[in-house]
Amino acid sequence: MAAGNSTEAYKQPSNDEINYVLLTESENISIPVTDSVRLWAHEKFDPKKKVVVMITGFTTDIDEENTAASELWKAYKSRGDTNFVLIDTARYVDTLYTWSAFNTQKLGEA
């Protein structure tokens, strides 16, 4: 049982607001996680290639300069054998650390 004065999440995660982002040479393709089939069927997704999934973390946002994501994407892109997919959870893990931590279980379920 939680204490009566326990902190609650600032914003509860909603699957409708979490996206896959397929990085390609020419564009970043954003598709809701609730519509996974659309990602796998997208013309820019190559089912013959390996898939690398990176989930954005605390204080990361795909709309801003993100050295970790950018550098990993460059490395996998140079290999030429990988679909590189980010799962954009930034709006739920870019707040106070305690609130971000509360959201991790729900984000994992998504």
N, C-alpha and C. Protein backbone atom coordinates (compact mmCIF):
# COMPACT_ATOMS: atom_id res chain seq x y z
N MET A 1 0.84 -1.17 0.00
CA MET A 1 0.00 0.00 0.00
C MET A 1 0.89 1.24 0.00
N ALA A 2 0.58 2.19 -0.87
CA ALA A 2 1.37 3.42 -0.97
C ALA A 2 1.04 4.36 0.18
N ALA A 3 2.01 5.13 0.56
CA ALA A 3 1.80 6.12 1.61
C ALA A 3 0.82 7.18 1.14
N GLY A 4 0.08 7.75 2.04
CA GLY A 4 -0.93 8.75 1.70
C GLY A 4 -0.35 9.98 1.04
N ASN A 5 0.90 10.27 1.26
CA ASN A 5 1.51 11.46 0.68
C ASN A 5 2.46 11.11 -0.46
N SER A 6 2.30 9.93 -1.07
CA SER A 6 3.21 9.51 -2.14
C SER A 6 3.02 10.38 -3.38
N THR A 7 4.09 10.54 -4.13
CA THR A 7 4.05 11.32 -5.35
C THR A 7 3.43 10.50 -6.47
N GLU A 8 2.61 11.13 -7.27
CA GLU A 8 2.01 10.46 -8.41
C GLU A 8 2.65 11.00 -9.69
N ALA A 9 2.52 10.24 -10.75
CA ALA A 9 3.10 10.64 -12.03
C ALA A 9 2.52 11.97 -12.48
N TYR A 10 3.36 12.79 -13.08
CA TYR A 10 2.95 14.10 -13.58
C TYR A 10 1.97 13.96 -14.74
N LYS A 11 2.26 13.06 -15.66
CA LYS A 11 1.41 12.83 -16.81
C LYS A 11 1.43 11.34 -17.11
N GLN A 12 0.29 10.70 -17.05
CA GLN A 12 0.21 9.27 -17.31
C GLN A 12 0.47 8.99 -18.79
N PRO A 13 1.31 8.02 -19.11
CA PRO A 13 1.57 7.69 -20.51
C PRO A 13 0.31 7.20 -21.22
N SER A 14 0.20 7.57 -22.47
CA SER A 14 -0.88 7.12 -23.33
C SER A 14 -0.26 6.49 -24.57
N ASN A 15 -0.63 5.26 -24.87
CA ASN A 15 -0.07 4.58 -26.04
C ASN A 15 -0.29 5.37 -27.32
N ASP A 16 -1.36 6.16 -27.36
CA ASP A 16 -1.65 6.95 -28.55
C ASP A 16 -0.64 8.06 -28.80
N GLU A 17 0.17 8.38 -27.78
CA GLU A 17 1.14 9.47 -27.91
C GLU A 17 2.58 8.97 -27.98
N ILE A 18 2.76 7.66 -28.11
CA ILE A 18 4.10 7.08 -28.20
C ILE A 18 4.29 6.60 -29.63
N ASN A 19 5.42 6.96 -30.23
CA ASN A 19 5.64 6.64 -31.63
C ASN A 19 6.91 5.85 -31.87
N TYR A 20 6.84 5.00 -32.90
CA TYR A 20 8.05 4.46 -33.51
C TYR A 20 8.55 5.56 -34.45
N VAL A 21 9.86 5.70 -34.56
CA VAL A 21 10.42 6.61 -35.55
C VAL A 21 11.48 5.82 -36.32
N LEU A 22 11.15 5.53 -37.57
CA LEU A 22 12.08 4.82 -38.45
C LEU A 22 13.00 5.86 -39.08
N LEU A 23 14.30 5.78 -38.79
CA LEU A 23 15.26 6.72 -39.35
C LEU A 23 15.73 6.19 -40.69
N THR A 24 15.69 7.05 -41.70
CA THR A 24 16.16 6.69 -43.03
C THR A 24 17.09 7.78 -43.52
N GLU A 25 17.70 7.55 -44.66
CA GLU A 25 18.61 8.55 -45.24
C GLU A 25 17.90 9.88 -45.50
N SER A 26 16.65 9.82 -45.93
CA SER A 26 15.98 11.03 -46.37
C SER A 26 14.96 11.61 -45.39
N GLU A 27 14.50 10.80 -44.42
CA GLU A 27 13.46 11.30 -43.53
C GLU A 27 13.35 10.42 -42.28
N ASN A 28 12.66 10.96 -41.28
CA ASN A 28 12.31 10.20 -40.09
C ASN A 28 10.82 9.94 -40.17
N ILE A 29 10.44 8.67 -40.17
CA ILE A 29 9.05 8.28 -40.36
C ILE A 29 8.46 7.93 -39.00
N SER A 30 7.45 8.68 -38.58
CA SER A 30 6.84 8.50 -37.28
C SER A 30 5.52 7.75 -37.43
N ILE A 31 5.39 6.65 -36.64
CA ILE A 31 4.20 5.81 -36.69
C ILE A 31 3.83 5.44 -35.25
N PRO A 32 2.57 5.58 -34.87
CA PRO A 32 2.16 5.24 -33.49
C PRO A 32 2.47 3.78 -33.13
N VAL A 33 2.88 3.54 -31.89
CA VAL A 33 3.15 2.16 -31.47
C VAL A 33 1.88 1.32 -31.50
N THR A 34 0.74 1.97 -31.51
CA THR A 34 -0.53 1.24 -31.58
C THR A 34 -0.80 0.73 -32.99
N ASP A 35 0.07 1.09 -33.95
CA ASP A 35 -0.11 0.69 -35.35
C ASP A 35 1.17 0.06 -35.88
N SER A 36 1.71 -0.91 -35.13
CA SER A 36 2.98 -1.55 -35.48
C SER A 36 3.01 -2.12 -36.89
N VAL A 37 1.90 -2.70 -37.32
CA VAL A 37 1.85 -3.32 -38.64
C VAL A 37 2.18 -2.30 -39.73
N ARG A 38 1.76 -1.07 -39.52
CA ARG A 38 2.06 -0.01 -40.51
C ARG A 38 3.57 0.24 -40.62
N LEU A 39 4.28 0.13 -39.51
CA LEU A 39 5.74 0.30 -39.55
C LEU A 39 6.37 -0.83 -40.35
N TRP A 40 6.02 -2.06 -40.02
CA TRP A 40 6.64 -3.22 -40.68
C TRP A 40 6.30 -3.27 -42.17
N ALA A 41 5.16 -2.71 -42.54
CA ALA A 41 4.73 -2.73 -43.95
C ALA A 41 5.20 -1.49 -44.72
N HIS A 42 5.80 -0.52 -44.05
CA HIS A 42 6.22 0.72 -44.71
C HIS A 42 7.27 0.42 -45.78
N GLU A 43 7.18 1.11 -46.90
CA GLU A 43 8.12 0.88 -48.01
C GLU A 43 9.58 1.13 -47.64
N LYS A 44 9.83 1.98 -46.64
CA LYS A 44 11.21 2.27 -46.22
C LYS A 44 11.75 1.27 -45.20
N PHE A 45 10.88 0.39 -44.68
CA PHE A 45 11.31 -0.65 -43.75
C PHE A 45 11.66 -1.88 -44.57
N ASP A 46 12.89 -2.36 -44.43
CA ASP A 46 13.35 -3.51 -45.21
C ASP A 46 13.31 -4.77 -44.34
N PRO A 47 12.33 -5.67 -44.58
CA PRO A 47 12.21 -6.86 -43.74
C PRO A 47 13.39 -7.82 -43.84
N LYS A 48 14.27 -7.62 -44.82
CA LYS A 48 15.44 -8.47 -44.97
C LYS A 48 16.59 -8.01 -44.07
N LYS A 49 16.47 -6.80 -43.53
CA LYS A 49 17.53 -6.26 -42.68
C LYS A 49 17.26 -6.52 -41.21
N LYS A 50 18.32 -6.46 -40.41
CA LYS A 50 18.21 -6.54 -38.96
C LYS A 50 17.44 -5.31 -38.46
N VAL A 51 16.92 -5.41 -37.25
CA VAL A 51 16.22 -4.28 -36.64
C VAL A 51 16.90 -3.92 -35.33
N VAL A 52 17.22 -2.65 -35.19
CA VAL A 52 17.76 -2.13 -33.94
C VAL A 52 16.71 -1.15 -33.40
N VAL A 53 16.34 -1.33 -32.13
CA VAL A 53 15.36 -0.46 -31.50
C VAL A 53 16.04 0.27 -30.36
N MET A 54 15.92 1.60 -30.37
CA MET A 54 16.45 2.42 -29.29
C MET A 54 15.28 3.19 -28.69
N ILE A 55 15.16 3.15 -27.38
CA ILE A 55 14.10 3.87 -26.70
C ILE A 55 14.70 5.14 -26.11
N THR A 56 14.07 6.27 -26.39
CA THR A 56 14.56 7.51 -25.82
C THR A 56 14.46 7.43 -24.31
N GLY A 57 15.38 8.05 -23.63
CA GLY A 57 15.43 7.97 -22.17
C GLY A 57 15.32 9.32 -21.51
N PHE A 58 15.64 9.34 -20.24
CA PHE A 58 15.52 10.55 -19.43
C PHE A 58 16.25 11.71 -20.09
N THR A 59 15.58 12.78 -20.28
CA THR A 59 16.05 14.04 -20.88
C THR A 59 16.49 13.91 -22.34
N THR A 60 16.01 12.90 -23.05
CA THR A 60 16.30 12.83 -24.48
C THR A 60 15.04 13.14 -25.26
N ASP A 61 15.21 13.75 -26.39
CA ASP A 61 14.09 14.14 -27.24
C ASP A 61 14.56 14.04 -28.68
N ILE A 62 13.85 13.31 -29.51
CA ILE A 62 14.29 13.12 -30.89
C ILE A 62 14.21 14.40 -31.71
N ASP A 63 13.46 15.40 -31.22
CA ASP A 63 13.35 16.66 -31.95
C ASP A 63 14.50 17.61 -31.64
N GLU A 64 15.35 17.23 -30.71
CA GLU A 64 16.51 18.05 -30.36
C GLU A 64 17.78 17.27 -30.67
N GLU A 65 18.90 17.94 -30.63
CA GLU A 65 20.18 17.28 -30.85
C GLU A 65 20.36 16.21 -29.79
N ASN A 66 20.48 14.97 -30.22
CA ASN A 66 20.63 13.85 -29.29
C ASN A 66 21.86 13.07 -29.73
N THR A 67 22.97 13.36 -29.13
CA THR A 67 24.23 12.77 -29.55
C THR A 67 24.20 11.25 -29.54
N ALA A 68 23.65 10.64 -28.51
CA ALA A 68 23.64 9.17 -28.43
C ALA A 68 22.86 8.59 -29.60
N ALA A 69 21.65 9.05 -29.83
CA ALA A 69 20.84 8.52 -30.93
C ALA A 69 21.48 8.82 -32.28
N SER A 70 21.98 10.03 -32.45
CA SER A 70 22.60 10.42 -33.72
C SER A 70 23.83 9.57 -34.03
N GLU A 71 24.67 9.37 -33.03
CA GLU A 71 25.89 8.60 -33.25
C GLU A 71 25.59 7.12 -33.49
N LEU A 72 24.64 6.56 -32.75
CA LEU A 72 24.27 5.16 -33.00
C LEU A 72 23.66 5.00 -34.39
N TRP A 73 22.79 5.93 -34.78
CA TRP A 73 22.19 5.88 -36.11
C TRP A 73 23.28 5.93 -37.18
N LYS A 74 24.25 6.82 -37.02
CA LYS A 74 25.35 6.92 -38.00
C LYS A 74 26.10 5.59 -38.12
N ALA A 75 26.38 4.99 -36.97
CA ALA A 75 27.13 3.73 -36.98
C ALA A 75 26.36 2.62 -37.69
N TYR A 76 25.09 2.47 -37.37
CA TYR A 76 24.29 1.42 -38.01
C TYR A 76 24.03 1.74 -39.48
N LYS A 77 23.84 3.02 -39.79
CA LYS A 77 23.61 3.42 -41.18
C LYS A 77 24.81 3.06 -42.04
N SER A 78 26.01 3.24 -41.51
CA SER A 78 27.21 2.94 -42.29
C SER A 78 27.34 1.46 -42.60
N ARG A 79 26.74 0.61 -41.78
CA ARG A 79 26.78 -0.83 -42.04
C ARG A 79 25.86 -1.22 -43.20
N GLY A 80 24.75 -0.49 -43.35
CA GLY A 80 23.85 -0.74 -44.47
C GLY A 80 22.97 -1.97 -44.33
N ASP A 81 22.96 -2.60 -43.16
CA ASP A 81 22.19 -3.84 -43.02
C ASP A 81 21.15 -3.78 -41.91
N THR A 82 20.73 -2.55 -41.55
CA THR A 82 19.90 -2.40 -40.36
C THR A 82 18.78 -1.39 -40.55
N ASN A 83 17.60 -1.74 -40.05
CA ASN A 83 16.51 -0.78 -39.85
C ASN A 83 16.72 -0.21 -38.45
N PHE A 84 16.82 1.10 -38.33
CA PHE A 84 17.05 1.75 -37.04
C PHE A 84 15.77 2.44 -36.62
N VAL A 85 15.19 1.96 -35.52
CA VAL A 85 13.90 2.47 -35.05
C VAL A 85 14.05 3.03 -33.64
N LEU A 86 13.62 4.27 -33.47
CA LEU A 86 13.55 4.86 -32.13
C LEU A 86 12.12 4.72 -31.63
N ILE A 87 11.97 4.53 -30.33
CA ILE A 87 10.65 4.63 -29.73
C ILE A 87 10.68 5.92 -28.93
N ASP A 88 9.86 6.85 -29.37
CA ASP A 88 9.86 8.20 -28.80
C ASP A 88 8.97 8.28 -27.57
N THR A 89 9.59 8.28 -26.41
CA THR A 89 8.86 8.39 -25.14
C THR A 89 9.15 9.72 -24.45
N ALA A 90 9.75 10.65 -25.17
CA ALA A 90 10.28 11.88 -24.56
C ALA A 90 9.27 12.65 -23.72
N ARG A 91 8.05 12.74 -24.15
CA ARG A 91 7.10 13.57 -23.40
C ARG A 91 6.80 12.99 -22.01
N TYR A 92 7.20 11.74 -21.79
CA TYR A 92 6.94 11.12 -20.49
C TYR A 92 8.19 10.95 -19.64
N VAL A 93 9.36 11.12 -20.22
CA VAL A 93 10.58 10.96 -19.44
C VAL A 93 11.46 12.20 -19.50
N ASP A 94 10.88 13.31 -19.87
CA ASP A 94 11.64 14.56 -19.94
C ASP A 94 11.09 15.55 -18.91
N THR A 95 10.79 15.03 -17.72
CA THR A 95 10.29 15.86 -16.64
C THR A 95 11.15 15.59 -15.41
N LEU A 96 10.63 15.92 -14.27
CA LEU A 96 11.30 15.61 -13.01
C LEU A 96 11.62 14.12 -12.97
N TYR A 97 12.80 13.76 -12.55
CA TYR A 97 13.22 12.36 -12.59
C TYR A 97 12.21 11.43 -11.90
N THR A 98 11.69 11.83 -10.76
CA THR A 98 10.73 10.98 -10.04
C THR A 98 9.52 10.69 -10.91
N TRP A 99 8.98 11.71 -11.58
CA TRP A 99 7.82 11.50 -12.44
C TRP A 99 8.19 10.60 -13.62
N SER A 100 9.37 10.80 -14.16
CA SER A 100 9.83 9.96 -15.27
C SER A 100 9.91 8.50 -14.83
N ALA A 101 10.47 8.27 -13.66
CA ALA A 101 10.60 6.90 -13.14
C ALA A 101 9.24 6.24 -12.96
N PHE A 102 8.24 7.01 -12.49
CA PHE A 102 6.91 6.45 -12.32
C PHE A 102 6.35 5.93 -13.65
N ASN A 103 6.72 6.56 -14.75
CA ASN A 103 6.15 6.21 -16.04
C ASN A 103 6.82 5.01 -16.71
N THR A 104 7.94 4.54 -16.20
CA THR A 104 8.68 3.50 -16.92
C THR A 104 7.90 2.19 -17.05
N GLN A 105 7.16 1.79 -16.05
CA GLN A 105 6.41 0.53 -16.15
C GLN A 105 5.34 0.64 -17.25
N LYS A 106 4.60 1.71 -17.25
CA LYS A 106 3.55 1.89 -18.26
C LYS A 106 4.16 1.99 -19.65
N LEU A 107 5.29 2.66 -19.78
CA LEU A 107 5.95 2.76 -21.08
C LEU A 107 6.44 1.39 -21.55
N GLY A 108 6.95 0.59 -20.63
CA GLY A 108 7.38 -0.76 -20.98
C GLY A 108 6.22 -1.61 -21.47
N GLU A 109 5.08 -1.46 -20.84
CA GLU A 109 3.90 -2.19 -21.28
C GLU A 109 3.50 -1.79 -22.69
N ALA A 110 3.62 -0.51 -22.98
CA ALA A 110 3.27 -0.01 -24.33
C ALA A 110 4.18 -0.63 -25.36
